[in-house]
Amino acid sequence: MSAKVFKKIEIVGTSDLSFSDATANAVAKASETVRNMSWFEVVEQRGAIDGGKVQEYQVTICVGFRVD
């Protein structure tokens, strides 16, 4: 039986709409260059404020992918 090995990378996604959309944007962009992605974990959520209103949502995630 072969054991699976994974690697984690940390990336930040952004969105004007929501934390959920920022997460989806990060995963979608990472999928353009990272193969075998299996899971993600949210590390941090934060945002930018401008004029007393939320301007941008930011999410730091770790993405785990299987190493070939």
Protein backbone atom coordinates (compact mmCIF):
# COMPACT_ATOMS: atom_id res chain seq x y z
CA MET A 1 0.00 0.00 0.00
CA SER A 2 1.41 3.39 -0.96
CA ALA A 3 1.12 6.23 1.52
CA LYS A 4 -0.12 9.59 0.29
CA VAL A 5 2.02 12.66 0.91
CA PHE A 6 0.61 16.21 0.95
CA LYS A 7 2.07 19.69 0.82
CA LYS A 8 0.43 22.89 2.10
CA ILE A 9 0.70 26.36 0.62
CA GLU A 10 -0.68 29.58 2.05
CA ILE A 11 -2.47 32.04 -0.24
CA VAL A 12 -4.69 35.10 0.13
CA GLY A 13 -7.91 35.58 -1.84
CA THR A 14 -9.84 38.82 -2.15
CA SER A 15 -13.35 39.84 -3.14
CA ASP A 16 -15.60 42.88 -3.17
CA LEU A 17 -18.59 40.64 -2.27
CA SER A 18 -17.87 38.29 0.66
CA PHE A 19 -15.42 36.10 2.56
CA SER A 20 -16.92 33.10 0.79
CA ASP A 21 -16.28 34.64 -2.62
CA ALA A 22 -12.72 35.56 -1.58
CA THR A 23 -12.13 31.90 -0.65
CA ALA A 24 -13.57 30.67 -3.95
CA ASN A 25 -11.39 33.17 -5.87
CA ALA A 26 -8.26 31.94 -4.08
CA VAL A 27 -9.03 28.28 -4.80
CA ALA A 28 -9.92 28.99 -8.44
CA LYS A 29 -6.70 30.95 -9.06
CA ALA A 30 -4.54 28.33 -7.32
CA SER A 31 -6.12 25.60 -9.44
CA GLU A 32 -4.61 27.22 -12.54
CA THR A 33 -1.11 26.13 -11.48
CA VAL A 34 -1.46 23.68 -8.57
CA ARG A 35 -2.42 20.07 -9.33
CA ASN A 36 -4.04 17.51 -7.04
CA MET A 37 -5.61 20.00 -4.62
CA SER A 38 -7.56 18.13 -1.94
CA TRP A 39 -8.62 20.54 0.82
CA PHE A 40 -8.30 24.02 2.29
CA GLU A 41 -8.43 25.55 5.74
CA VAL A 42 -9.22 29.16 6.57
CA VAL A 43 -6.35 30.68 8.54
CA GLU A 44 -7.45 34.31 8.78
CA GLN A 45 -10.23 36.64 7.67
CA ARG A 46 -9.84 40.39 7.40
CA GLY A 47 -10.96 43.26 5.21
CA ALA A 48 -10.35 46.76 4.02
CA ILE A 49 -12.50 49.73 5.04
CA ASP A 50 -12.96 52.90 3.03
CA GLY A 51 -15.26 55.75 4.01
CA GLY A 52 -16.76 53.75 6.86
CA LYS A 53 -17.79 50.90 4.54
CA VAL A 54 -16.36 47.50 3.78
CA GLN A 55 -14.29 47.87 0.62
CA GLU A 56 -12.75 44.40 0.28
CA TYR A 57 -12.88 40.99 1.95
CA GLN A 58 -9.59 39.12 2.36
CA VAL A 59 -9.13 35.47 3.34
CA THR A 60 -5.85 33.68 4.04
CA ILE A 61 -6.15 29.94 3.37
CA CYS A 62 -3.85 26.95 3.41
CA VAL A 63 -4.41 24.65 0.45
CA GLY A 64 -3.36 21.02 0.71
CA PHE A 65 -2.43 19.05 -2.38
CA ARG A 66 -1.14 15.56 -2.98
CA VAL A 67 2.51 15.28 -4.03
CA ASP A 68 3.06 12.93 -7.00
